[in-house]
Amino acid sequence: MKHPPFDKFFYYKKAVQNPAKEFDFFKKTFRSFYKKTPLLFREDFCGTFYMAFQWVQDHKLNKAIAIDVDKKPIEYGIKHHLCQLNASQKKRFTFLNKNILTPRLPSAELITVSNFSYFALKTQNLMLKYFKNVHKSLYKKGLFILDVMGGPDCEKIIEEERKYKTFTYFWDQDYFDPIQREGHYHIHFKRKGERKRLKQFSYNWRLWTIPELKQLLLSAGFSEVYVYWEQSDKKGEGNGVFKKTKKAETCDSWIAYLVSIP
């Protein structure tokens, strides 16, 4: 089978990102607080700004802001995503090649970070600075939504794989220090009939806990922080449905959202 030239961002989108599903949760949750659907969306740590790109296409009044300090994924987004927007959509879309700790970033009513990328902020001082920055730029009737992962399996040296029609995705947990709670993680890909392409994406993260993040968010000025915990299917695996809760059952690995209000 002949494949097109390898494009790691393309396979990342296929294996990791699901804007429609996340938007459904974002909008449903926003409506539960404010009885309205948000229009102005900001994607922090945006990478190729695929989420923001999809947001402006989701509704004719939607506006999106995308922010990332890394030039390479931004350049990819310009080449592969921005060019697909029509004139009206481009007017409603802004991307910034800036550090998310930069003061006075654009305001929005919904600010999100997906795929745990804020875990790259490994100290309390940096995380608090980021949360304060978000709090200053969030509308009074707004939400800040973060995803968070955890569980003992996230601290093990293991590699998991997920098969798709034309390729296999690998999540490699290469290193974990329980004292610093610092982990090294990699994404590999293998297309059918080809060699395994190692370390297409690599992350040096602190594995933050929910209590730590909640305390930092409250210290940054947010009035309330709610936990939305992923529910389980009959096999005990995550089913992609998130419900607000104050307590959860222990499990080997879990995903949740933290939803903060100003």
C-alpha atoms as a PDB file:
ATOM      1  CA  MET A   1       0.000   0.000   0.000  1.00  0.00           C
ATOM      2  CA  LYS A   2       1.449   3.351  -1.051  1.00  0.00           C
ATOM      3  CA  HIS A   3       1.089   6.131   1.484  1.00  0.00           C
ATOM      4  CA  PRO A   4       1.296   9.907   0.954  1.00  0.00           C
ATOM      5  CA  PRO A   5       4.308  11.684   2.497  1.00  0.00           C
ATOM      6  CA  PHE A   6       4.332  11.229   6.265  1.00  0.00           C
ATOM      7  CA  ASP A   7       2.682  14.094   8.162  1.00  0.00           C
ATOM      8  CA  LYS A   8       2.851  13.735  11.950  1.00  0.00           C
ATOM      9  CA  PHE A   9       0.322  16.521  12.556  1.00  0.00           C
ATOM     10  CA  PHE A  10      -2.204  14.782  10.311  1.00  0.00           C
ATOM     11  CA  TYR A  11      -1.926  11.551  12.296  1.00  0.00           C
ATOM     12  CA  TYR A  12      -2.059  13.442  15.590  1.00  0.00           C
ATOM     13  CA  LYS A  13      -5.393  14.943  14.530  1.00  0.00           C
ATOM     14  CA  LYS A  14      -6.710  11.513  13.595  1.00  0.00           C
ATOM     15  CA  ALA A  15      -5.605   9.786  16.795  1.00  0.00           C
ATOM     16  CA  VAL A  16      -5.852  12.462  19.469  1.00  0.00           C
ATOM     17  CA  GLN A  17      -8.168  15.330  18.557  1.00  0.00           C
ATOM     18  CA  ASN A  18     -11.957  15.315  18.395  1.00  0.00           C
ATOM     19  CA  PRO A  19     -13.187  18.937  18.238  1.00  0.00           C
ATOM     20  CA  ALA A  20     -16.863  18.116  17.693  1.00  0.00           C
ATOM     21  CA  LYS A  21     -17.044  15.985  20.824  1.00  0.00           C
ATOM     22  CA  GLU A  22     -15.186  18.554  22.934  1.00  0.00           C
ATOM     23  CA  PHE A  23     -17.316  21.414  21.611  1.00  0.00           C
ATOM     24  CA  ASP A  24     -20.424  19.509  22.606  1.00  0.00           C
ATOM     25  CA  PHE A  25     -19.154  19.296  26.185  1.00  0.00           C
ATOM     26  CA  PHE A  26     -17.936  22.921  26.221  1.00  0.00           C
ATOM     27  CA  LYS A  27     -21.227  24.349  24.966  1.00  0.00           C
ATOM     28  CA  LYS A  28     -23.431  22.121  27.105  1.00  0.00           C
ATOM     29  CA  THR A  29     -21.432  23.010  30.214  1.00  0.00           C
ATOM     30  CA  PHE A  30     -21.415  26.730  29.387  1.00  0.00           C
ATOM     31  CA  ARG A  31     -25.189  26.722  28.921  1.00  0.00           C
ATOM     32  CA  SER A  32     -25.632  25.006  32.289  1.00  0.00           C
ATOM     33  CA  PHE A  33     -24.017  28.036  33.964  1.00  0.00           C
ATOM     34  CA  TYR A  34     -25.156  30.954  31.831  1.00  0.00           C
ATOM     35  CA  LYS A  35     -28.170  29.755  29.800  1.00  0.00           C
ATOM     36  CA  LYS A  36     -26.441  30.787  26.558  1.00  0.00           C
ATOM     37  CA  THR A  37     -23.989  29.375  24.030  1.00  0.00           C
ATOM     38  CA  PRO A  38     -20.513  30.933  23.948  1.00  0.00           C
ATOM     39  CA  LEU A  39     -19.324  32.633  20.774  1.00  0.00           C
ATOM     40  CA  LEU A  40     -15.806  33.890  21.563  1.00  0.00           C
ATOM     41  CA  PHE A  41     -13.445  30.959  22.084  1.00  0.00           C
ATOM     42  CA  ARG A  42      -9.739  31.026  22.978  1.00  0.00           C
ATOM     43  CA  GLU A  43      -7.519  27.983  22.527  1.00  0.00           C
ATOM     44  CA  ASP A  44      -4.338  28.203  24.620  1.00  0.00           C
ATOM     45  CA  PHE A  45      -1.348  25.959  23.805  1.00  0.00           C
ATOM     46  CA  CYS A  46      -3.106  25.647  20.446  1.00  0.00           C
ATOM     47  CA  GLY A  47      -0.435  23.821  18.396  1.00  0.00           C
ATOM     48  CA  THR A  48      -1.758  23.786  14.822  1.00  0.00           C
ATOM     49  CA  PHE A  49      -4.897  25.607  16.091  1.00  0.00           C
ATOM     50  CA  TYR A  50      -7.111  22.792  14.814  1.00  0.00           C
ATOM     51  CA  MET A  51      -9.705  23.371  17.550  1.00  0.00           C
ATOM     52  CA  ALA A  52      -9.960  27.117  16.904  1.00  0.00           C
ATOM     53  CA  PHE A  53     -10.060  26.439  13.153  1.00  0.00           C
ATOM     54  CA  GLN A  54     -13.046  24.160  13.664  1.00  0.00           C
ATOM     55  CA  TRP A  55     -14.748  26.595  16.066  1.00  0.00           C
ATOM     56  CA  VAL A  56     -15.084  29.430  13.536  1.00  0.00           C
ATOM     57  CA  GLN A  57     -16.684  26.971  11.103  1.00  0.00           C
ATOM     58  CA  ASP A  58     -19.119  25.659  13.714  1.00  0.00           C
ATOM     59  CA  HIS A  59     -21.371  28.746  13.628  1.00  0.00           C
ATOM     60  CA  LYS A  60     -21.527  31.895  11.512  1.00  0.00           C
ATOM     61  CA  LEU A  61     -21.135  34.120  14.603  1.00  0.00           C
ATOM     62  CA  ASN A  62     -18.328  32.169  16.266  1.00  0.00           C
ATOM     63  CA  LYS A  63     -14.991  33.888  16.812  1.00  0.00           C
ATOM     64  CA  ALA A  64     -11.750  32.151  17.789  1.00  0.00           C
ATOM     65  CA  ILE A  65      -8.348  33.113  19.143  1.00  0.00           C
ATOM     66  CA  ALA A  66      -5.455  30.638  19.085  1.00  0.00           C
ATOM     67  CA  ILE A  67      -2.224  31.085  21.057  1.00  0.00           C
ATOM     68  CA  ASP A  68       1.023  29.102  21.042  1.00  0.00           C
ATOM     69  CA  VAL A  69       4.708  29.947  21.452  1.00  0.00           C
ATOM     70  CA  ASP A  70       5.935  27.201  19.075  1.00  0.00           C
ATOM     71  CA  LYS A  71       6.346  28.448  15.497  1.00  0.00           C
ATOM     72  CA  LYS A  72       6.371  25.064  13.729  1.00  0.00           C
ATOM     73  CA  PRO A  73       2.796  23.959  14.504  1.00  0.00           C
ATOM     74  CA  ILE A  74       1.556  27.521  13.936  1.00  0.00           C
ATOM     75  CA  GLU A  75       3.179  27.506  10.484  1.00  0.00           C
ATOM     76  CA  TYR A  76       1.550  24.128   9.792  1.00  0.00           C
ATOM     77  CA  GLY A  77      -1.831  25.553  10.799  1.00  0.00           C
ATOM     78  CA  ILE A  78      -1.370  28.516   8.471  1.00  0.00           C
ATOM     79  CA  LYS A  79      -0.522  26.207   5.574  1.00  0.00           C
ATOM     80  CA  HIS A  80      -3.115  23.491   6.181  1.00  0.00           C
ATOM     81  CA  HIS A  81      -5.969  25.059   8.181  1.00  0.00           C
ATOM     82  CA  LEU A  82      -6.105  28.812   7.689  1.00  0.00           C
ATOM     83  CA  CYS A  83      -6.148  28.409   3.923  1.00  0.00           C
ATOM     84  CA  GLN A  84      -9.409  26.431   4.175  1.00  0.00           C
ATOM     85  CA  LEU A  85     -11.345  29.270   5.797  1.00  0.00           C
ATOM     86  CA  ASN A  86     -13.452  31.607   3.681  1.00  0.00           C
ATOM     87  CA  ALA A  87     -13.167  35.405   3.933  1.00  0.00           C
ATOM     88  CA  SER A  88     -15.845  35.714   6.622  1.00  0.00           C
ATOM     89  CA  GLN A  89     -14.317  32.973   8.755  1.00  0.00           C
ATOM     90  CA  LYS A  90     -10.828  34.476   8.481  1.00  0.00           C
ATOM     91  CA  LYS A  91     -12.166  37.784   9.841  1.00  0.00           C
ATOM     92  CA  ARG A  92     -13.426  35.922  12.889  1.00  0.00           C
ATOM     93  CA  PHE A  93     -10.156  34.072  13.495  1.00  0.00           C
ATOM     94  CA  THR A  94      -6.961  35.306  15.188  1.00  0.00           C
ATOM     95  CA  PHE A  95      -3.767  33.390  15.881  1.00  0.00           C
ATOM     96  CA  LEU A  96      -0.925  34.635  18.045  1.00  0.00           C
ATOM     97  CA  ASN A  97       2.589  33.199  18.145  1.00  0.00           C
ATOM     98  CA  LYS A  98       3.082  34.191  21.793  1.00  0.00           C
ATOM     99  CA  ASN A  99       3.872  32.727  25.180  1.00  0.00           C
ATOM    100  CA  ILE A 100       0.659  32.162  27.141  1.00  0.00           C
ATOM    101  CA  LEU A 101       2.328  33.942  30.091  1.00  0.00           C
ATOM    102  CA  THR A 102       2.422  37.182  28.080  1.00  0.00           C
ATOM    103  CA  PRO A 103       0.399  39.881  29.886  1.00  0.00           C
ATOM    104  CA  ARG A 104      -2.841  41.293  28.441  1.00  0.00           C
ATOM    105  CA  LEU A 105      -3.738  38.448  26.104  1.00  0.00           C
ATOM    106  CA  PRO A 106      -7.057  38.791  24.217  1.00  0.00           C
ATOM    107  CA  SER A 107     -10.205  38.283  26.260  1.00  0.00           C
ATOM    108  CA  ALA A 108     -12.722  35.509  25.613  1.00  0.00           C
ATOM    109  CA  GLU A 109     -15.830  34.018  27.190  1.00  0.00           C
ATOM    110  CA  LEU A 110     -14.571  30.439  26.818  1.00  0.00           C
ATOM    111  CA  ILE A 111     -10.877  29.622  27.287  1.00  0.00           C
ATOM    112  CA  THR A 112      -9.672  26.029  27.041  1.00  0.00           C
ATOM    113  CA  VAL A 113      -6.551  23.884  27.001  1.00  0.00           C
ATOM    114  CA  SER A 114      -6.747  20.395  25.515  1.00  0.00           C
ATOM    115  CA  ASN A 115      -4.578  17.278  25.681  1.00  0.00           C
ATOM    116  CA  PHE A 116      -2.904  18.239  28.964  1.00  0.00           C
ATOM    117  CA  SER A 117      -0.409  20.562  27.256  1.00  0.00           C
ATOM    118  CA  TYR A 118      -0.371  22.974  30.206  1.00  0.00           C
ATOM    119  CA  PHE A 119       1.400  20.186  32.176  1.00  0.00           C
ATOM    120  CA  ALA A 120       4.538  21.646  30.584  1.00  0.00           C
ATOM    121  CA  LEU A 121       4.318  24.312  33.317  1.00  0.00           C
ATOM    122  CA  LYS A 122       6.053  22.326  36.028  1.00  0.00           C
ATOM    123  CA  THR A 123       6.247  24.734  38.953  1.00  0.00           C
ATOM    124  CA  GLN A 124       3.539  26.239  41.116  1.00  0.00           C
ATOM    125  CA  ASN A 125       4.798  29.757  40.369  1.00  0.00           C
ATOM    126  CA  LEU A 126       4.483  29.282  36.588  1.00  0.00           C
ATOM    127  CA  MET A 127       1.109  27.586  36.817  1.00  0.00           C
ATOM    128  CA  LEU A 128      -0.240  30.269  39.135  1.00  0.00           C
ATOM    129  CA  LYS A 129       1.048  32.970  36.785  1.00  0.00           C
ATOM    130  CA  TYR A 130      -0.740  31.301  33.863  1.00  0.00           C
ATOM    131  CA  PHE A 131      -4.004  30.907  35.782  1.00  0.00           C
ATOM    132  CA  LYS A 132      -3.884  34.564  36.876  1.00  0.00           C
ATOM    133  CA  ASN A 133      -3.323  35.548  33.258  1.00  0.00           C
ATOM    134  CA  VAL A 134      -6.390  33.564  32.188  1.00  0.00           C
ATOM    135  CA  HIS A 135      -8.493  34.975  35.010  1.00  0.00           C
ATOM    136  CA  LYS A 136      -7.687  38.541  33.926  1.00  0.00           C
ATOM    137  CA  SER A 137      -8.692  37.859  30.327  1.00  0.00           C
ATOM    138  CA  LEU A 138     -11.842  35.813  30.976  1.00  0.00           C
ATOM    139  CA  TYR A 139     -15.274  37.415  30.633  1.00  0.00           C
ATOM    140  CA  LYS A 140     -17.233  37.863  33.880  1.00  0.00           C
ATOM    141  CA  LYS A 141     -19.703  35.357  32.490  1.00  0.00           C
ATOM    142  CA  GLY A 142     -17.100  32.965  31.188  1.00  0.00           C
ATOM    143  CA  LEU A 143     -15.567  29.524  31.710  1.00  0.00           C
ATOM    144  CA  PHE A 144     -12.000  28.253  31.815  1.00  0.00           C
ATOM    145  CA  ILE A 145     -11.870  24.532  30.985  1.00  0.00           C
ATOM    146  CA  LEU A 146      -8.843  22.268  31.415  1.00  0.00           C
ATOM    147  CA  ASP A 147      -8.524  18.548  30.902  1.00  0.00           C
ATOM    148  CA  VAL A 148      -6.532  16.538  33.444  1.00  0.00           C
ATOM    149  CA  MET A 149      -5.395  12.927  33.614  1.00  0.00           C
ATOM    150  CA  GLY A 150      -4.121  10.681  36.372  1.00  0.00           C
ATOM    151  CA  GLY A 151      -4.163   7.304  38.073  1.00  0.00           C
ATOM    152  CA  PRO A 152      -1.394   4.818  38.879  1.00  0.00           C
ATOM    153  CA  ASP A 153      -1.101   3.658  35.259  1.00  0.00           C
ATOM    154  CA  CYS A 154       0.031   7.177  34.289  1.00  0.00           C
ATOM    155  CA  GLU A 155       3.059   6.727  36.541  1.00  0.00           C
ATOM    156  CA  LYS A 156       4.179   3.397  35.070  1.00  0.00           C
ATOM    157  CA  ILE A 157       6.814   2.821  32.410  1.00  0.00           C
ATOM    158  CA  ILE A 158       4.529   1.372  29.754  1.00  0.00           C
ATOM    159  CA  GLU A 159       3.628   1.731  26.100  1.00  0.00           C
ATOM    160  CA  GLU A 160       0.066   1.501  24.838  1.00  0.00           C
ATOM    161  CA  GLU A 161      -1.048   1.195  21.243  1.00  0.00           C
ATOM    162  CA  ARG A 162      -4.271   1.931  19.415  1.00  0.00           C
ATOM    163  CA  LYS A 163      -4.896   0.598  15.927  1.00  0.00           C
ATOM    164  CA  TYR A 164      -6.600   2.528  13.148  1.00  0.00           C
ATOM    165  CA  LYS A 165      -7.393   1.516   9.586  1.00  0.00           C
ATOM    166  CA  THR A 166      -4.098   2.625   8.055  1.00  0.00           C
ATOM    167  CA  PHE A 167      -1.837   3.271  11.039  1.00  0.00           C
ATOM    168  CA  THR A 168      -1.109   2.498  14.693  1.00  0.00           C
ATOM    169  CA  TYR A 169      -0.770   5.136  17.401  1.00  0.00           C
ATOM    170  CA  PHE A 170       1.567   4.529  20.347  1.00  0.00           C
ATOM    171  CA  TRP A 171       1.542   6.345  23.696  1.00  0.00           C
ATOM    172  CA  ASP A 172       4.894   5.732  25.391  1.00  0.00           C
ATOM    173  CA  GLN A 173       5.407   6.543  29.074  1.00  0.00           C
ATOM    174  CA  ASP A 174       9.179   6.493  29.169  1.00  0.00           C
ATOM    175  CA  TYR A 175      10.060   7.906  32.594  1.00  0.00           C
ATOM    176  CA  PHE A 176       8.422   8.990  35.826  1.00  0.00           C
ATOM    177  CA  ASP A 177       9.895  10.517  38.983  1.00  0.00           C
ATOM    178  CA  PRO A 178       7.408  10.196  41.891  1.00  0.00           C
ATOM    179  CA  ILE A 179       9.205  12.823  43.991  1.00  0.00           C
ATOM    180  CA  GLN A 180       9.049  15.594  41.395  1.00  0.00           C
ATOM    181  CA  ARG A 181       6.001  14.014  39.728  1.00  0.00           C
ATOM    182  CA  GLU A 182       7.773  14.611  36.431  1.00  0.00           C
ATOM    183  CA  GLY A 183       7.204  12.308  33.470  1.00  0.00           C
ATOM    184  CA  HIS A 184       8.567  11.942  29.948  1.00  0.00           C
ATOM    185  CA  TYR A 185       6.024  10.875  27.341  1.00  0.00           C
ATOM    186  CA  HIS A 186       6.258  10.187  23.602  1.00  0.00           C
ATOM    187  CA  ILE A 187       3.915   9.562  20.693  1.00  0.00           C
ATOM    188  CA  HIS A 188       5.028   7.152  17.970  1.00  0.00           C
ATOM    189  CA  PHE A 189       3.238   6.218  14.735  1.00  0.00           C
ATOM    190  CA  LYS A 190       3.465   3.232  12.424  1.00  0.00           C
ATOM    191  CA  ARG A 191       1.761   3.121   9.060  1.00  0.00           C
ATOM    192  CA  LYS A 192       0.942  -0.247   7.532  1.00  0.00           C
ATOM    193  CA  GLY A 193       3.923  -1.705   5.739  1.00  0.00           C
ATOM    194  CA  GLU A 194       6.316   0.895   7.134  1.00  0.00           C
ATOM    195  CA  ARG A 195       8.735   1.151  10.028  1.00  0.00           C
ATOM    196  CA  LYS A 196       7.685   2.585  13.375  1.00  0.00           C
ATOM    197  CA  ARG A 197       8.354   6.321  13.492  1.00  0.00           C
ATOM    198  CA  LEU A 198       9.647   7.056  16.971  1.00  0.00           C
ATOM    199  CA  LYS A 199       9.149  10.162  19.106  1.00  0.00           C
ATOM    200  CA  GLN A 200       7.086  12.179  16.670  1.00  0.00           C
ATOM    201  CA  PHE A 201       5.895  14.139  19.697  1.00  0.00           C
ATOM    202  CA  SER A 202       7.654  14.263  23.063  1.00  0.00           C
ATOM    203  CA  TYR A 203       6.522  15.839  26.323  1.00  0.00           C
ATOM    204  CA  ASN A 204       8.298  16.649  29.568  1.00  0.00           C
ATOM    205  CA  TRP A 205       5.429  17.170  31.993  1.00  0.00           C
ATOM    206  CA  ARG A 206       4.611  17.450  35.647  1.00  0.00           C
ATOM    207  CA  LEU A 207       1.718  15.150  36.441  1.00  0.00           C
ATOM    208  CA  TRP A 208      -0.440  17.564  38.407  1.00  0.00           C
ATOM    209  CA  THR A 209      -3.161  16.360  40.773  1.00  0.00           C
ATOM    210  CA  ILE A 210      -6.699  17.720  40.895  1.00  0.00           C
ATOM    211  CA  PRO A 211      -6.349  19.157  44.447  1.00  0.00           C
ATOM    212  CA  GLU A 212      -3.150  20.989  43.438  1.00  0.00           C
ATOM    213  CA  LEU A 213      -4.759  22.503  40.358  1.00  0.00           C
ATOM    214  CA  LYS A 214      -7.953  23.457  42.176  1.00  0.00           C
ATOM    215  CA  GLN A 215      -5.987  25.269  44.876  1.00  0.00           C
ATOM    216  CA  LEU A 216      -3.924  27.165  42.300  1.00  0.00           C
ATOM    217  CA  LEU A 217      -7.036  28.141  40.343  1.00  0.00           C
ATOM    218  CA  LEU A 218      -8.716  29.466  43.485  1.00  0.00           C
ATOM    219  CA  SER A 219      -5.523  31.310  44.435  1.00  0.00           C
ATOM    220  CA  ALA A 220      -5.510  32.885  40.958  1.00  0.00           C
ATOM    221  CA  GLY A 221      -8.902  34.450  41.640  1.00  0.00           C
ATOM    222  CA  PHE A 222     -11.454  31.954  40.322  1.00  0.00           C
ATOM    223  CA  SER A 223     -14.510  31.762  42.569  1.00  0.00           C
ATOM    224  CA  GLU A 224     -15.376  28.112  41.962  1.00  0.00           C
ATOM    225  CA  VAL A 225     -13.714  25.065  40.381  1.00  0.00           C
ATOM    226  CA  TYR A 226     -15.844  22.057  39.423  1.00  0.00           C
ATOM    227  CA  VAL A 227     -14.686  18.555  38.517  1.00  0.00           C
ATOM    228  CA  TYR A 228     -16.348  16.735  35.614  1.00  0.00           C
ATOM    229  CA  TRP A 229     -15.309  13.072  35.813  1.00  0.00           C
ATOM    230  CA  GLU A 230     -15.385  10.679  32.880  1.00  0.00           C
ATOM    231  CA  GLN A 231     -17.923   7.903  33.330  1.00  0.00           C
ATOM    232  CA  SER A 232     -17.242   4.209  32.654  1.00  0.00           C
ATOM    233  CA  ASP A 233     -18.775   1.690  30.271  1.00  0.00           C
ATOM    234  CA  LYS A 234     -19.635  -1.915  31.125  1.00  0.00           C
ATOM    235  CA  LYS A 235     -15.997  -2.935  30.698  1.00  0.00           C
ATOM    236  CA  GLY A 236     -14.862  -0.301  33.187  1.00  0.00           C
ATOM    237  CA  GLU A 237     -13.291   1.871  30.498  1.00  0.00           C
ATOM    238  CA  GLY A 238     -13.925   5.565  29.896  1.00  0.00           C
ATOM    239  CA  ASN A 239     -16.991   6.223  27.743  1.00  0.00           C
ATOM    240  CA  GLY A 240     -16.385   9.886  26.899  1.00  0.00           C
ATOM    241  CA  VAL A 241     -19.269  11.137  29.068  1.00  0.00           C
ATOM    242  CA  PHE A 242     -18.294  13.630  31.779  1.00  0.00           C
ATOM    243  CA  LYS A 243     -20.438  14.444  34.812  1.00  0.00           C
ATOM    244  CA  LYS A 244     -19.960  16.963  37.604  1.00  0.00           C
ATOM    245  CA  THR A 245     -19.021  15.284  40.868  1.00  0.00           C
ATOM    246  CA  LYS A 246     -17.286  15.831  44.198  1.00  0.00           C
ATOM    247  CA  LYS A 247     -16.134  12.224  44.628  1.00  0.00           C
ATOM    248  CA  ALA A 248     -14.961   9.492  42.245  1.00  0.00           C
ATOM    249  CA  GLU A 249     -14.066   5.825  42.386  1.00  0.00           C
ATOM    250  CA  THR A 250     -10.401   4.877  42.226  1.00  0.00           C
ATOM    251  CA  CYS A 251      -9.232   3.483  38.898  1.00  0.00           C
ATOM    252  CA  ASP A 252      -5.970   2.698  37.146  1.00  0.00           C
ATOM    253  CA  SER A 253      -6.243   5.699  34.832  1.00  0.00           C
ATOM    254  CA  TRP A 254      -8.768   8.479  34.495  1.00  0.00           C
ATOM    255  CA  ILE A 255      -9.550  11.691  32.625  1.00  0.00           C
ATOM    256  CA  ALA A 256     -11.525  14.648  33.931  1.00  0.00           C
ATOM    257  CA  TYR A 257     -12.251  18.284  33.148  1.00  0.00           C
ATOM    258  CA  LEU A 258     -11.747  21.165  35.559  1.00  0.00           C
ATOM    259  CA  VAL A 259     -14.316  23.890  34.922  1.00  0.00           C
ATOM    260  CA  SER A 260     -13.571  27.229  36.583  1.00  0.00           C
ATOM    261  CA  ILE A 261     -15.756  30.329  36.831  1.00  0.00           C
ATOM    262  CA  PRO A 262     -14.458  33.863  37.546  1.00  0.00           C
END
